[in-house]
PDB file of N, CA and C in Angstrom:
ATOM      1  N   MET A   1      11.374  -5.789 -12.954  1.00  0.00           N
ATOM      2  CA  MET A   1      10.977  -6.521 -13.997  1.00  0.00           C
ATOM      3  C   MET A   1      11.710  -7.337 -13.821  1.00  0.00           C
ATOM      4  N   THR A   2      10.842  -8.461 -14.388  1.00  0.00           N
ATOM      5  CA  THR A   2      11.207 -10.165 -14.821  1.00  0.00           C
ATOM      6  C   THR A   2      11.336 -10.609 -16.137  1.00  0.00           C
ATOM      7  N   VAL A   3      12.397 -11.229 -16.493  1.00  0.00           N
ATOM      8  CA  VAL A   3      13.207 -11.030 -17.684  1.00  0.00           C
ATOM      9  C   VAL A   3      12.990 -12.690 -18.134  1.00  0.00           C
ATOM     10  N   GLN A   4      12.234 -13.258 -18.839  1.00  0.00           N
ATOM     11  CA  GLN A   4      12.589 -14.991 -18.947  1.00  0.00           C
ATOM     12  C   GLN A   4      12.953 -14.876 -20.359  1.00  0.00           C
ATOM     13  N   THR A   5      13.879 -16.175 -20.478  1.00  0.00           N
ATOM     14  CA  THR A   5      14.680 -16.114 -21.687  1.00  0.00           C
ATOM     15  C   THR A   5      15.099 -17.446 -22.003  1.00  0.00           C
ATOM     16  N   PHE A   6      15.273 -17.614 -23.455  1.00  0.00           N
ATOM     17  CA  PHE A   6      15.355 -18.879 -24.103  1.00  0.00           C
ATOM     18  C   PHE A   6      16.724 -19.063 -25.352  1.00  0.00           C
ATOM     19  N   THR A   7      17.382 -19.575 -25.176  1.00  0.00           N
ATOM     20  CA  THR A   7      19.014 -19.642 -25.580  1.00  0.00           C
ATOM     21  C   THR A   7      18.791 -20.679 -26.703  1.00  0.00           C
ATOM     22  N   PRO A   8      18.975 -20.905 -28.211  1.00  0.00           N
ATOM     23  CA  PRO A   8      19.385 -21.699 -28.906  1.00  0.00           C
ATOM     24  C   PRO A   8      20.911 -20.839 -29.285  1.00  0.00           C
ATOM     25  N   GLY A   9      21.847 -22.052 -28.986  1.00  0.00           N
ATOM     26  CA  GLY A   9      22.932 -21.424 -29.143  1.00  0.00           C
ATOM     27  C   GLY A   9      23.321 -20.155 -28.901  1.00  0.00           C
ATOM     28  N   GLN A  10      23.936 -19.782 -29.150  1.00  0.00           N
ATOM     29  CA  GLN A  10      24.324 -18.390 -28.620  1.00  0.00           C
ATOM     30  C   GLN A  10      23.463 -17.148 -28.472  1.00  0.00           C
ATOM     31  N   ILE A  11      22.225 -17.355 -29.040  1.00  0.00           N
ATOM     32  CA  ILE A  11      21.218 -16.582 -29.377  1.00  0.00           C
ATOM     33  C   ILE A  11      20.372 -16.688 -28.567  1.00  0.00           C
ATOM     34  N   THR A  12      19.876 -14.596 -28.308  1.00  0.00           N
ATOM     35  CA  THR A  12      18.827 -14.823 -26.996  1.00  0.00           C
ATOM     36  C   THR A  12      17.974 -13.537 -27.082  1.00  0.00           C
ATOM     37  N   ILE A  13      17.040 -13.832 -26.891  1.00  0.00           N
ATOM     38  CA  ILE A  13      15.690 -12.637 -26.889  1.00  0.00           C
ATOM     39  C   ILE A  13      14.856 -12.920 -25.238  1.00  0.00           C
ATOM     40  N   HIS A  14      14.697 -11.823 -25.376  1.00  0.00           N
ATOM     41  CA  HIS A  14      14.450 -12.017 -23.657  1.00  0.00           C
ATOM     42  C   HIS A  14      12.807 -11.424 -24.305  1.00  0.00           C
ATOM     43  N   LEU A  15      11.598 -11.574 -22.862  1.00  0.00           N
ATOM     44  CA  LEU A  15      10.475 -11.188 -23.179  1.00  0.00           C
ATOM     45  C   LEU A  15      10.641 -11.010 -21.512  1.00  0.00           C
ATOM     46  N   THR A  16       9.771  -9.246 -20.801  1.00  0.00           N
ATOM     47  CA  THR A  16       9.540  -9.503 -20.187  1.00  0.00           C
ATOM     48  C   THR A  16       8.358  -9.719 -19.569  1.00  0.00           C
ATOM     49  N   GLU A  17       7.988 -10.153 -17.863  1.00  0.00           N
ATOM     50  CA  GLU A  17       6.709 -10.982 -18.031  1.00  0.00           C
ATOM     51  C   GLU A  17       5.207  -9.952 -18.016  1.00  0.00           C
ATOM     52  N   ALA A  18       5.218  -8.976 -18.380  1.00  0.00           N
ATOM     53  CA  ALA A  18       4.078  -8.114 -19.087  1.00  0.00           C
ATOM     54  C   ALA A  18       4.088  -8.757 -20.302  1.00  0.00           C
ATOM     55  N   ALA A  19       5.313  -8.828 -21.086  1.00  0.00           N
ATOM     56  CA  ALA A  19       5.388  -8.994 -22.552  1.00  0.00           C
ATOM     57  C   ALA A  19       4.838 -10.344 -22.873  1.00  0.00           C
ATOM     58  N   ASN A  20       4.790 -11.737 -21.722  1.00  0.00           N
ATOM     59  CA  ASN A  20       5.258 -12.721 -22.129  1.00  0.00           C
ATOM     60  C   ASN A  20       3.371 -12.616 -22.138  1.00  0.00           C
ATOM     61  N   LYS A  21       2.944 -12.222 -21.064  1.00  0.00           N
ATOM     62  CA  LYS A  21       1.178 -12.436 -20.429  1.00  0.00           C
ATOM     63  C   LYS A  21       0.577 -11.776 -21.139  1.00  0.00           C
ATOM     64  N   GLN A  22       0.775 -10.653 -22.241  1.00  0.00           N
ATOM     65  CA  GLN A  22       0.193  -9.846 -23.311  1.00  0.00           C
ATOM     66  C   GLN A  22       0.319 -10.714 -24.474  1.00  0.00           C
ATOM     67  N   ALA A  23       1.352 -11.249 -24.633  1.00  0.00           N
ATOM     68  CA  ALA A  23       1.635 -12.642 -25.889  1.00  0.00           C
ATOM     69  C   ALA A  23       0.681 -13.625 -26.053  1.00  0.00           C
ATOM     70  N   LEU A  24       0.800 -13.976 -24.980  1.00  0.00           N
ATOM     71  CA  LEU A  24      -0.092 -15.132 -24.374  1.00  0.00           C
ATOM     72  C   LEU A  24      -1.574 -14.994 -24.697  1.00  0.00           C
ATOM     73  N   ARG A  25      -2.269 -13.684 -24.491  1.00  0.00           N
ATOM     74  CA  ARG A  25      -3.555 -13.629 -24.422  1.00  0.00           C
ATOM     75  C   ARG A  25      -3.659 -13.217 -26.022  1.00  0.00           C
ATOM     76  N   GLU A  26      -2.875 -12.814 -26.459  1.00  0.00           N
ATOM     77  CA  GLU A  26      -2.924 -12.540 -27.857  1.00  0.00           C
ATOM     78  C   GLU A  26      -3.029 -13.525 -28.929  1.00  0.00           C
ATOM     79  N   ILE A  27      -2.096 -14.374 -28.280  1.00  0.00           N
ATOM     80  CA  ILE A  27      -1.904 -15.605 -29.381  1.00  0.00           C
ATOM     81  C   ILE A  27      -3.231 -16.780 -29.080  1.00  0.00           C
ATOM     82  N   ALA A  28      -3.777 -16.875 -27.964  1.00  0.00           N
ATOM     83  CA  ALA A  28      -4.895 -17.461 -27.465  1.00  0.00           C
ATOM     84  C   ALA A  28      -6.177 -16.567 -28.403  1.00  0.00           C
ATOM     85  N   ARG A  29      -6.579 -15.687 -28.352  1.00  0.00           N
ATOM     86  CA  ARG A  29      -7.684 -14.554 -29.157  1.00  0.00           C
ATOM     87  C   ARG A  29      -7.358 -14.797 -30.332  1.00  0.00           C
ATOM     88  N   ALA A  30      -6.107 -14.870 -31.093  1.00  0.00           N
ATOM     89  CA  ALA A  30      -6.348 -15.173 -32.839  1.00  0.00           C
ATOM     90  C   ALA A  30      -6.377 -16.478 -32.661  1.00  0.00           C
ATOM     91  N   HIS A  31      -6.254 -17.796 -32.000  1.00  0.00           N
ATOM     92  CA  HIS A  31      -5.939 -18.514 -32.326  1.00  0.00           C
ATOM     93  C   HIS A  31      -5.105 -19.231 -33.307  1.00  0.00           C
ATOM     94  N   ALA A  32      -3.877 -18.801 -32.669  1.00  0.00           N
ATOM     95  CA  ALA A  32      -2.122 -18.660 -33.307  1.00  0.00           C
ATOM     96  C   ALA A  32      -1.696 -20.037 -32.561  1.00  0.00           C
ATOM     97  N   ALA A  33      -0.435 -20.403 -33.270  1.00  0.00           N
ATOM     98  CA  ALA A  33       0.316 -21.149 -32.591  1.00  0.00           C
ATOM     99  C   ALA A  33       1.737 -20.767 -31.903  1.00  0.00           C
ATOM    100  N   GLY A  34       1.138 -19.223 -32.609  1.00  0.00           N
ATOM    101  CA  GLY A  34       2.688 -18.140 -31.991  1.00  0.00           C
ATOM    102  C   GLY A  34       2.928 -16.761 -32.983  1.00  0.00           C
ATOM    103  N   ILE A  35       3.999 -16.455 -32.486  1.00  0.00           N
ATOM    104  CA  ILE A  35       4.045 -15.266 -33.091  1.00  0.00           C
ATOM    105  C   ILE A  35       5.764 -14.832 -33.895  1.00  0.00           C
ATOM    106  N   ARG A  36       5.830 -14.199 -34.794  1.00  0.00           N
ATOM    107  CA  ARG A  36       6.590 -13.886 -35.806  1.00  0.00           C
ATOM    108  C   ARG A  36       7.674 -12.799 -35.779  1.00  0.00           C
ATOM    109  N   LEU A  37       8.194 -12.615 -35.114  1.00  0.00           N
ATOM    110  CA  LEU A  37       9.136 -11.202 -35.182  1.00  0.00           C
ATOM    111  C   LEU A  37      10.275 -11.498 -36.516  1.00  0.00           C
ATOM    112  N   ASP A  38       9.809 -10.596 -37.247  1.00  0.00           N
ATOM    113  CA  ASP A  38      10.329 -10.130 -38.593  1.00  0.00           C
ATOM    114  C   ASP A  38      11.152  -8.834 -38.440  1.00  0.00           C
ATOM    115  N   LEU A  39      11.754  -8.635 -39.158  1.00  0.00           N
ATOM    116  CA  LEU A  39      12.232  -7.307 -39.350  1.00  0.00           C
ATOM    117  C   LEU A  39      11.413  -6.830 -40.805  1.00  0.00           C
ATOM    118  N   ASP A  40      11.756  -5.489 -40.968  1.00  0.00           N
ATOM    119  CA  ASP A  40      11.580  -5.117 -42.429  1.00  0.00           C
ATOM    120  C   ASP A  40      11.879  -3.796 -42.658  1.00  0.00           C
ATOM    121  N   GLU A  41      13.090  -4.060 -44.242  1.00  0.00           N
ATOM    122  CA  GLU A  41      14.022  -3.085 -44.392  1.00  0.00           C
ATOM    123  C   GLU A  41      13.186  -1.804 -44.666  1.00  0.00           C
ATOM    124  N   SER A  42      12.527  -0.826 -44.397  1.00  0.00           N
ATOM    125  CA  SER A  42      12.116   0.088 -44.536  1.00  0.00           C
ATOM    126  C   SER A  42      12.332   1.134 -42.796  1.00  0.00           C
ATOM    127  N   GLY A  43      11.065   2.302 -43.051  1.00  0.00           N
ATOM    128  CA  GLY A  43      11.424   3.077 -41.978  1.00  0.00           C
ATOM    129  C   GLY A  43      12.470   4.531 -42.313  1.00  0.00           C
ATOM    130  N   CYS A  44      12.606   5.080 -41.565  1.00  0.00           N
ATOM    131  CA  CYS A  44      13.562   6.508 -41.422  1.00  0.00           C
ATOM    132  C   CYS A  44      14.850   5.616 -41.465  1.00  0.00           C
ATOM    133  N   SER A  45      14.864   4.862 -40.565  1.00  0.00           N
ATOM    134  CA  SER A  45      16.316   4.379 -39.952  1.00  0.00           C
ATOM    135  C   SER A  45      17.077   3.523 -40.296  1.00  0.00           C
ATOM    136  N   GLY A  46      16.210   2.068 -41.450  1.00  0.00           N
ATOM    137  CA  GLY A  46      16.950   1.170 -41.945  1.00  0.00           C
ATOM    138  C   GLY A  46      15.673   0.220 -41.473  1.00  0.00           C
ATOM    139  N   PHE A  47      15.235  -0.219 -40.542  1.00  0.00           N
ATOM    140  CA  PHE A  47      14.665  -1.549 -40.100  1.00  0.00           C
ATOM    141  C   PHE A  47      13.391  -1.369 -39.240  1.00  0.00           C
ATOM    142  N   MET A  48      12.589  -2.171 -39.554  1.00  0.00           N
ATOM    143  CA  MET A  48      11.093  -1.800 -38.704  1.00  0.00           C
ATOM    144  C   MET A  48      10.692  -3.058 -38.214  1.00  0.00           C
ATOM    145  N   TYR A  49      10.351  -3.184 -36.864  1.00  0.00           N
ATOM    146  CA  TYR A  49      10.315  -4.259 -35.812  1.00  0.00           C
ATOM    147  C   TYR A  49       8.789  -4.901 -36.317  1.00  0.00           C
ATOM    148  N   VAL A  50       8.628  -6.100 -37.090  1.00  0.00           N
ATOM    149  CA  VAL A  50       6.901  -6.536 -37.538  1.00  0.00           C
ATOM    150  C   VAL A  50       6.666  -7.782 -36.760  1.00  0.00           C
ATOM    151  N   LEU A  51       5.670  -8.214 -35.907  1.00  0.00           N
ATOM    152  CA  LEU A  51       4.987  -9.000 -34.823  1.00  0.00           C
ATOM    153  C   LEU A  51       3.630  -9.581 -36.591  1.00  0.00           C
ATOM    154  N   ASP A  52       3.382 -10.548 -36.112  1.00  0.00           N
ATOM    155  CA  ASP A  52       2.797 -11.434 -37.308  1.00  0.00           C
ATOM    156  C   ASP A  52       2.126 -12.831 -36.471  1.00  0.00           C
ATOM    157  N   PHE A  53       0.754 -12.968 -36.476  1.00  0.00           N
ATOM    158  CA  PHE A  53       0.320 -14.368 -35.360  1.00  0.00           C
ATOM    159  C   PHE A  53       0.888 -14.895 -37.014  1.00  0.00           C
ATOM    160  N   VAL A  54       1.337 -16.558 -36.268  1.00  0.00           N
ATOM    161  CA  VAL A  54       1.210 -17.765 -37.276  1.00  0.00           C
ATOM    162  C   VAL A  54       0.718 -18.707 -36.914  1.00  0.00           C
ATOM    163  N   GLU A  55       0.756 -19.748 -37.610  1.00  0.00           N
ATOM    164  CA  GLU A  55      -0.059 -20.649 -37.390  1.00  0.00           C
ATOM    165  C   GLU A  55       1.733 -22.000 -37.575  1.00  0.00           C
ATOM    166  N   GLU A  56       2.255 -21.795 -38.089  1.00  0.00           N
ATOM    167  CA  GLU A  56       3.487 -22.409 -38.384  1.00  0.00           C
ATOM    168  C   GLU A  56       5.056 -21.579 -38.848  1.00  0.00           C
ATOM    169  N   ALA A  57       6.174 -22.615 -38.397  1.00  0.00           N
ATOM    170  CA  ALA A  57       7.206 -21.772 -38.880  1.00  0.00           C
ATOM    171  C   ALA A  57       7.135 -21.900 -40.748  1.00  0.00           C
ATOM    172  N   LYS A  58       8.226 -20.796 -40.784  1.00  0.00           N
ATOM    173  CA  LYS A  58       8.702 -20.532 -42.494  1.00  0.00           C
ATOM    174  C   LYS A  58      10.215 -21.529 -42.076  1.00  0.00           C
ATOM    175  N   ASP A  59      10.230 -21.923 -43.079  1.00  0.00           N
ATOM    176  CA  ASP A  59      11.498 -22.062 -43.773  1.00  0.00           C
ATOM    177  C   ASP A  59      12.500 -20.975 -43.084  1.00  0.00           C
ATOM    178  N   GLY A  60      13.305 -21.211 -42.505  1.00  0.00           N
ATOM    179  CA  GLY A  60      14.327 -20.233 -41.922  1.00  0.00           C
ATOM    180  C   GLY A  60      14.429 -19.846 -40.908  1.00  0.00           C
ATOM    181  N   ASP A  61      13.101 -20.408 -40.309  1.00  0.00           N
ATOM    182  CA  ASP A  61      12.984 -19.213 -39.328  1.00  0.00           C
ATOM    183  C   ASP A  61      13.289 -20.218 -37.769  1.00  0.00           C
ATOM    184  N   GLN A  62      13.886 -19.494 -36.466  1.00  0.00           N
ATOM    185  CA  GLN A  62      14.498 -20.265 -35.513  1.00  0.00           C
ATOM    186  C   GLN A  62      13.566 -20.515 -34.357  1.00  0.00           C
ATOM    187  N   LEU A  63      12.830 -20.883 -33.977  1.00  0.00           N
ATOM    188  CA  LEU A  63      11.710 -21.092 -32.800  1.00  0.00           C
ATOM    189  C   LEU A  63      12.658 -20.964 -31.610  1.00  0.00           C
ATOM    190  N   PHE A  64      12.021 -20.005 -30.855  1.00  0.00           N
ATOM    191  CA  PHE A  64      11.903 -19.169 -29.273  1.00  0.00           C
ATOM    192  C   PHE A  64      10.939 -19.803 -28.888  1.00  0.00           C
ATOM    193  N   VAL A  65      11.121 -20.925 -27.676  1.00  0.00           N
ATOM    194  CA  VAL A  65       9.961 -21.363 -26.941  1.00  0.00           C
ATOM    195  C   VAL A  65      10.170 -20.837 -25.569  1.00  0.00           C
ATOM    196  N   ILE A  66       9.099 -19.431 -25.061  1.00  0.00           N
ATOM    197  CA  ILE A  66       9.551 -18.516 -23.982  1.00  0.00           C
ATOM    198  C   ILE A  66       8.711 -18.672 -22.948  1.00  0.00           C
ATOM    199  N   ASP A  67       8.388 -19.188 -21.766  1.00  0.00           N
ATOM    200  CA  ASP A  67       7.194 -19.615 -20.911  1.00  0.00           C
ATOM    201  C   ASP A  67       6.047 -19.554 -21.906  1.00  0.00           C
ATOM    202  N   GLY A  68       6.232 -20.817 -22.683  1.00  0.00           N
ATOM    203  CA  GLY A  68       4.730 -20.865 -23.435  1.00  0.00           C
ATOM    204  C   GLY A  68       4.443 -20.189 -24.694  1.00  0.00           C
ATOM    205  N   VAL A  69       4.924 -19.045 -24.744  1.00  0.00           N
ATOM    206  CA  VAL A  69       5.175 -18.648 -25.878  1.00  0.00           C
ATOM    207  C   VAL A  69       6.295 -18.804 -27.016  1.00  0.00           C
ATOM    208  N   ASN A  70       5.432 -19.088 -28.044  1.00  0.00           N
ATOM    209  CA  ASN A  70       5.942 -19.226 -29.782  1.00  0.00           C
ATOM    210  C   ASN A  70       6.575 -18.680 -30.116  1.00  0.00           C
ATOM    211  N   LEU A  71       8.247 -18.284 -29.978  1.00  0.00           N
ATOM    212  CA  LEU A  71       8.117 -17.172 -31.192  1.00  0.00           C
ATOM    213  C   LEU A  71       9.192 -17.450 -32.077  1.00  0.00           C
ATOM    214  N   TYR A  72       8.775 -16.967 -33.382  1.00  0.00           N
ATOM    215  CA  TYR A  72       9.559 -17.478 -34.640  1.00  0.00           C
ATOM    216  C   TYR A  72      10.554 -16.269 -35.112  1.00  0.00           C
ATOM    217  N   VAL A  73      11.425 -16.299 -35.315  1.00  0.00           N
ATOM    218  CA  VAL A  73      12.646 -15.311 -36.086  1.00  0.00           C
ATOM    219  C   VAL A  73      13.244 -16.189 -37.042  1.00  0.00           C
ATOM    220  N   PRO A  74      13.014 -15.250 -38.289  1.00  0.00           N
ATOM    221  CA  PRO A  74      13.822 -15.577 -39.308  1.00  0.00           C
ATOM    222  C   PRO A  74      15.204 -15.697 -38.772  1.00  0.00           C
ATOM    223  N   GLU A  75      16.294 -16.670 -39.334  1.00  0.00           N
ATOM    224  CA  GLU A  75      17.426 -16.673 -38.769  1.00  0.00           C
ATOM    225  C   GLU A  75      18.305 -15.270 -39.774  1.00  0.00           C
ATOM    226  N   LYS A  76      17.831 -15.481 -40.783  1.00  0.00           N
ATOM    227  CA  LYS A  76      19.054 -14.371 -40.900  1.00  0.00           C
ATOM    228  C   LYS A  76      19.215 -12.705 -40.139  1.00  0.00           C
ATOM    229  N   TRP A  77      18.141 -12.611 -39.307  1.00  0.00           N
ATOM    230  CA  TRP A  77      17.834 -11.354 -38.434  1.00  0.00           C
ATOM    231  C   TRP A  77      18.520 -11.508 -37.297  1.00  0.00           C
ATOM    232  N   LEU A  78      19.025 -13.105 -36.688  1.00  0.00           N
ATOM    233  CA  LEU A  78      18.970 -13.336 -35.416  1.00  0.00           C
ATOM    234  C   LEU A  78      20.239 -12.541 -34.828  1.00  0.00           C
ATOM    235  N   PRO A  79      21.436 -11.944 -35.972  1.00  0.00           N
ATOM    236  CA  PRO A  79      22.299 -11.647 -35.165  1.00  0.00           C
ATOM    237  C   PRO A  79      22.513  -9.862 -34.816  1.00  0.00           C
ATOM    238  N   MET A  80      21.195  -9.570 -35.386  1.00  0.00           N
ATOM    239  CA  MET A  80      20.999  -7.946 -35.379  1.00  0.00           C
ATOM    240  C   MET A  80      19.786  -7.833 -34.365  1.00  0.00           C
ATOM    241  N   LEU A  81      18.871  -9.412 -33.725  1.00  0.00           N
ATOM    242  CA  LEU A  81      18.280  -8.933 -32.643  1.00  0.00           C
ATOM    243  C   LEU A  81      18.665  -9.997 -31.362  1.00  0.00           C
ATOM    244  N   ASN A  82      19.891 -10.337 -31.351  1.00  0.00           N
ATOM    245  CA  ASN A  82      20.678 -10.840 -30.516  1.00  0.00           C
ATOM    246  C   ASN A  82      20.942 -10.124 -29.154  1.00  0.00           C
ATOM    247  N   GLY A  83      20.300 -10.371 -28.081  1.00  0.00           N
ATOM    248  CA  GLY A  83      19.924  -9.514 -26.640  1.00  0.00           C
ATOM    249  C   GLY A  83      18.706  -8.749 -26.656  1.00  0.00           C
ATOM    250  N   LEU A  84      17.700  -9.058 -27.548  1.00  0.00           N
ATOM    251  CA  LEU A  84      16.393  -8.169 -27.989  1.00  0.00           C
ATOM    252  C   LEU A  84      15.817  -8.468 -26.939  1.00  0.00           C
ATOM    253  N   VAL A  85      15.533  -7.519 -26.124  1.00  0.00           N
ATOM    254  CA  VAL A  85      14.518  -7.205 -24.919  1.00  0.00           C
ATOM    255  C   VAL A  85      12.929  -7.084 -25.307  1.00  0.00           C
ATOM    256  N   ILE A  86      11.729  -7.982 -25.361  1.00  0.00           N
ATOM    257  CA  ILE A  86      10.641  -7.242 -25.600  1.00  0.00           C
ATOM    258  C   ILE A  86       9.979  -6.772 -24.796  1.00  0.00           C
ATOM    259  N   ASP A  87       9.316  -5.762 -24.501  1.00  0.00           N
ATOM    260  CA  ASP A  87       8.560  -5.653 -23.230  1.00  0.00           C
ATOM    261  C   ASP A  87       7.349  -5.044 -23.573  1.00  0.00           C
ATOM    262  N   TYR A  88       6.021  -4.589 -22.523  1.00  0.00           N
ATOM    263  CA  TYR A  88       4.267  -4.638 -23.128  1.00  0.00           C
ATOM    264  C   TYR A  88       4.587  -3.638 -22.059  1.00  0.00           C
ATOM    265  N   VAL A  89       4.789  -2.168 -22.635  1.00  0.00           N
ATOM    266  CA  VAL A  89       4.078  -1.191 -21.799  1.00  0.00           C
ATOM    267  C   VAL A  89       2.768  -0.182 -21.738  1.00  0.00           C
ATOM    268  N   THR A  90       2.850   0.590 -21.060  1.00  0.00           N
ATOM    269  CA  THR A  90       1.275   1.482 -21.450  1.00  0.00           C
ATOM    270  C   THR A  90       2.430   2.995 -21.156  1.00  0.00           C
ATOM    271  N   GLU A  91       1.698   4.112 -22.280  1.00  0.00           N
ATOM    272  CA  GLU A  91       2.082   4.707 -22.452  1.00  0.00           C
ATOM    273  C   GLU A  91       1.139   5.943 -23.117  1.00  0.00           C
ATOM    274  N   GLY A  92       0.660   6.794 -22.174  1.00  0.00           N
ATOM    275  CA  GLY A  92      -0.222   7.910 -22.244  1.00  0.00           C
ATOM    276  C   GLY A  92      -1.771   6.834 -21.815  1.00  0.00           C
ATOM    277  N   VAL A  93      -2.453   6.596 -23.427  1.00  0.00           N
ATOM    278  CA  VAL A  93      -3.471   6.011 -23.194  1.00  0.00           C
ATOM    279  C   VAL A  93      -3.319   4.532 -24.240  1.00  0.00           C
ATOM    280  N   ASN A  94      -2.089   4.538 -24.451  1.00  0.00           N
ATOM    281  CA  ASN A  94      -1.572   3.594 -25.783  1.00  0.00           C
ATOM    282  C   ASN A  94      -0.992   1.989 -24.713  1.00  0.00           C
ATOM    283  N   SER A  95      -1.121   0.961 -25.051  1.00  0.00           N
ATOM    284  CA  SER A  95      -0.442   0.154 -24.997  1.00  0.00           C
ATOM    285  C   SER A  95       0.084  -0.551 -25.807  1.00  0.00           C
ATOM    286  N   LEU A  96       1.422  -0.805 -25.908  1.00  0.00           N
ATOM    287  CA  LEU A  96       2.394  -1.582 -26.594  1.00  0.00           C
ATOM    288  C   LEU A  96       3.525  -2.203 -26.591  1.00  0.00           C
ATOM    289  N   PHE A  97       4.341  -2.973 -27.873  1.00  0.00           N
ATOM    290  CA  PHE A  97       5.505  -3.911 -27.479  1.00  0.00           C
ATOM    291  C   PHE A  97       6.233  -2.525 -27.500  1.00  0.00           C
ATOM    292  N   LYS A  98       7.390  -2.958 -26.881  1.00  0.00           N
ATOM    293  CA  LYS A  98       8.136  -2.430 -26.827  1.00  0.00           C
ATOM    294  C   LYS A  98       9.865  -2.999 -27.113  1.00  0.00           C
ATOM    295  N   PHE A  99      10.247  -2.563 -28.055  1.00  0.00           N
ATOM    296  CA  PHE A  99      11.389  -3.461 -28.005  1.00  0.00           C
ATOM    297  C   PHE A  99      13.048  -2.419 -27.666  1.00  0.00           C
ATOM    298  N   ARG A 100      13.993  -3.382 -27.128  1.00  0.00           N
ATOM    299  CA  ARG A 100      15.155  -2.716 -26.305  1.00  0.00           C
ATOM    300  C   ARG A 100      16.503  -3.643 -26.949  1.00  0.00           C
ATOM    301  N   ASN A 101      16.624  -2.818 -28.126  1.00  0.00           N
ATOM    302  CA  ASN A 101      17.731  -3.537 -28.969  1.00  0.00           C
ATOM    303  C   ASN A 101      19.096  -3.109 -28.376  1.00  0.00           C
ATOM    304  N   PRO A 102      20.280  -3.748 -27.824  1.00  0.00           N
ATOM    305  CA  PRO A 102      21.171  -4.272 -27.546  1.00  0.00           C
ATOM    306  C   PRO A 102      22.193  -3.347 -28.749  1.00  0.00           C
ATOM    307  N   ASN A 103      21.974  -4.231 -30.162  1.00  0.00           N
ATOM    308  CA  ASN A 103      22.505  -3.851 -31.559  1.00  0.00           C
ATOM    309  C   ASN A 103      22.630  -2.803 -32.118  1.00  0.00           C
ATOM    310  N   ALA A 104      21.019  -2.076 -31.725  1.00  0.00           N
ATOM    311  CA  ALA A 104      20.802  -0.798 -32.367  1.00  0.00           C
ATOM    312  C   ALA A 104      21.502   0.496 -32.002  1.00  0.00           C
ATOM    313  N   THR A 105      21.976   1.072 -32.851  1.00  0.00           N
ATOM    314  CA  THR A 105      22.920   1.998 -32.992  1.00  0.00           C
ATOM    315  C   THR A 105      22.499   3.879 -33.305  1.00  0.00           C
ATOM    316  N   GLY A 106      21.551   3.380 -33.309  1.00  0.00           N
ATOM    317  CA  GLY A 106      20.376   4.724 -34.039  1.00  0.00           C
ATOM    318  C   GLY A 106      19.386   4.383 -33.982  1.00  0.00           C
ATOM    319  N   GLU A 107      18.137   5.274 -33.689  1.00  0.00           N
ATOM    320  CA  GLU A 107      16.573   5.213 -34.054  1.00  0.00           C
ATOM    321  C   GLU A 107      16.169   6.883 -34.625  1.00  0.00           C
ATOM    322  N   CYS A 108      15.214   6.273 -35.495  1.00  0.00           N
ATOM    323  CA  CYS A 108      14.176   7.286 -35.876  1.00  0.00           C
ATOM    324  C   CYS A 108      14.011   8.119 -34.746  1.00  0.00           C
ATOM    325  N   GLY A 109      13.147   9.545 -34.999  1.00  0.00           N
ATOM    326  CA  GLY A 109      13.021  10.447 -34.193  1.00  0.00           C
ATOM    327  C   GLY A 109      11.378   9.578 -33.356  1.00  0.00           C
ATOM    328  N   CYS A 110      10.184   9.229 -34.452  1.00  0.00           N
ATOM    329  CA  CYS A 110       9.872   8.974 -33.826  1.00  0.00           C
ATOM    330  C   CYS A 110       9.469   7.120 -33.199  1.00  0.00           C
ATOM    331  N   GLY A 111      10.992   6.765 -33.127  1.00  0.00           N
ATOM    332  CA  GLY A 111      10.975   5.266 -32.498  1.00  0.00           C
ATOM    333  C   GLY A 111      10.478   4.055 -33.516  1.00  0.00           C
ATOM    334  N   GLU A 112      10.005   4.266 -34.384  1.00  0.00           N
ATOM    335  CA  GLU A 112       9.411   3.177 -35.342  1.00  0.00           C
ATOM    336  C   GLU A 112      10.541   2.171 -36.053  1.00  0.00           C
ATOM    337  N   SER A 113      11.823   3.034 -36.213  1.00  0.00           N
ATOM    338  CA  SER A 113      12.745   2.017 -36.829  1.00  0.00           C
ATOM    339  C   SER A 113      14.031   2.349 -36.390  1.00  0.00           C
ATOM    340  N   PHE A 114      14.989   1.479 -36.473  1.00  0.00           N
ATOM    341  CA  PHE A 114      16.628   1.264 -36.284  1.00  0.00           C
ATOM    342  C   PHE A 114      17.187   1.307 -37.091  1.00  0.00           C
ATOM    343  N   THR A 115      18.571   1.980 -36.731  1.00  0.00           N
ATOM    344  CA  THR A 115      19.622   1.350 -37.822  1.00  0.00           C
ATOM    345  C   THR A 115      20.675   0.460 -36.608  1.00  0.00           C
ATOM    346  N   VAL A 116      21.478  -0.644 -37.050  1.00  0.00           N
ATOM    347  CA  VAL A 116      22.829  -1.071 -36.721  1.00  0.00           C
ATOM    348  C   VAL A 116      23.419  -1.298 -37.593  1.00  0.00           C
ATOM    349  N   GLU A 117      24.820  -1.047 -36.881  1.00  0.00           N
ATOM    350  CA  GLU A 117      26.121  -1.153 -37.554  1.00  0.00           C
ATOM    351  C   GLU A 117      25.828  -2.517 -37.640  1.00  0.00           C
ATOM    352  N   GLU A 118      27.271  -3.112 -39.029  1.00  0.00           N
ATOM    353  CA  GLU A 118      27.451  -4.678 -39.397  1.00  0.00           C
ATOM    354  C   GLU A 118      28.034  -5.318 -37.680  1.00  0.00           C
ATOM    355  N   VAL A 119      26.221  -6.345 -38.157  1.00  0.00           N
ATOM    356  CA  VAL A 119      27.033  -6.621 -36.879  1.00  0.00           C
ATOM    357  C   VAL A 119      27.533  -8.451 -37.698  1.00  0.00           C
TER     358      VAL A 119
END
């Protein structure tokens, strides 16, 4: 597995080669400028990952440019996402982005949400 990294300051977010290729395909198909990685305070464990296509940054977004993928992340979530690895995997008949967060201290049984201790 190849991991591509961009580090603004001391925050790192990684995209595997598979995730990078899929993100580029989906951005092109949506005619978007990039993808926003956000967190939603919901789910049975506390936080859920949310990916949306975007045309521009919002106030408070940090831009990560990773091998041609513009990834916008709200600055308030950066400590909880530091070291995150985003992969694109096939599980059975489904293909999806999979998140490996070293800050997660727990996940719900279905894997849709996660918990972090205060960072």
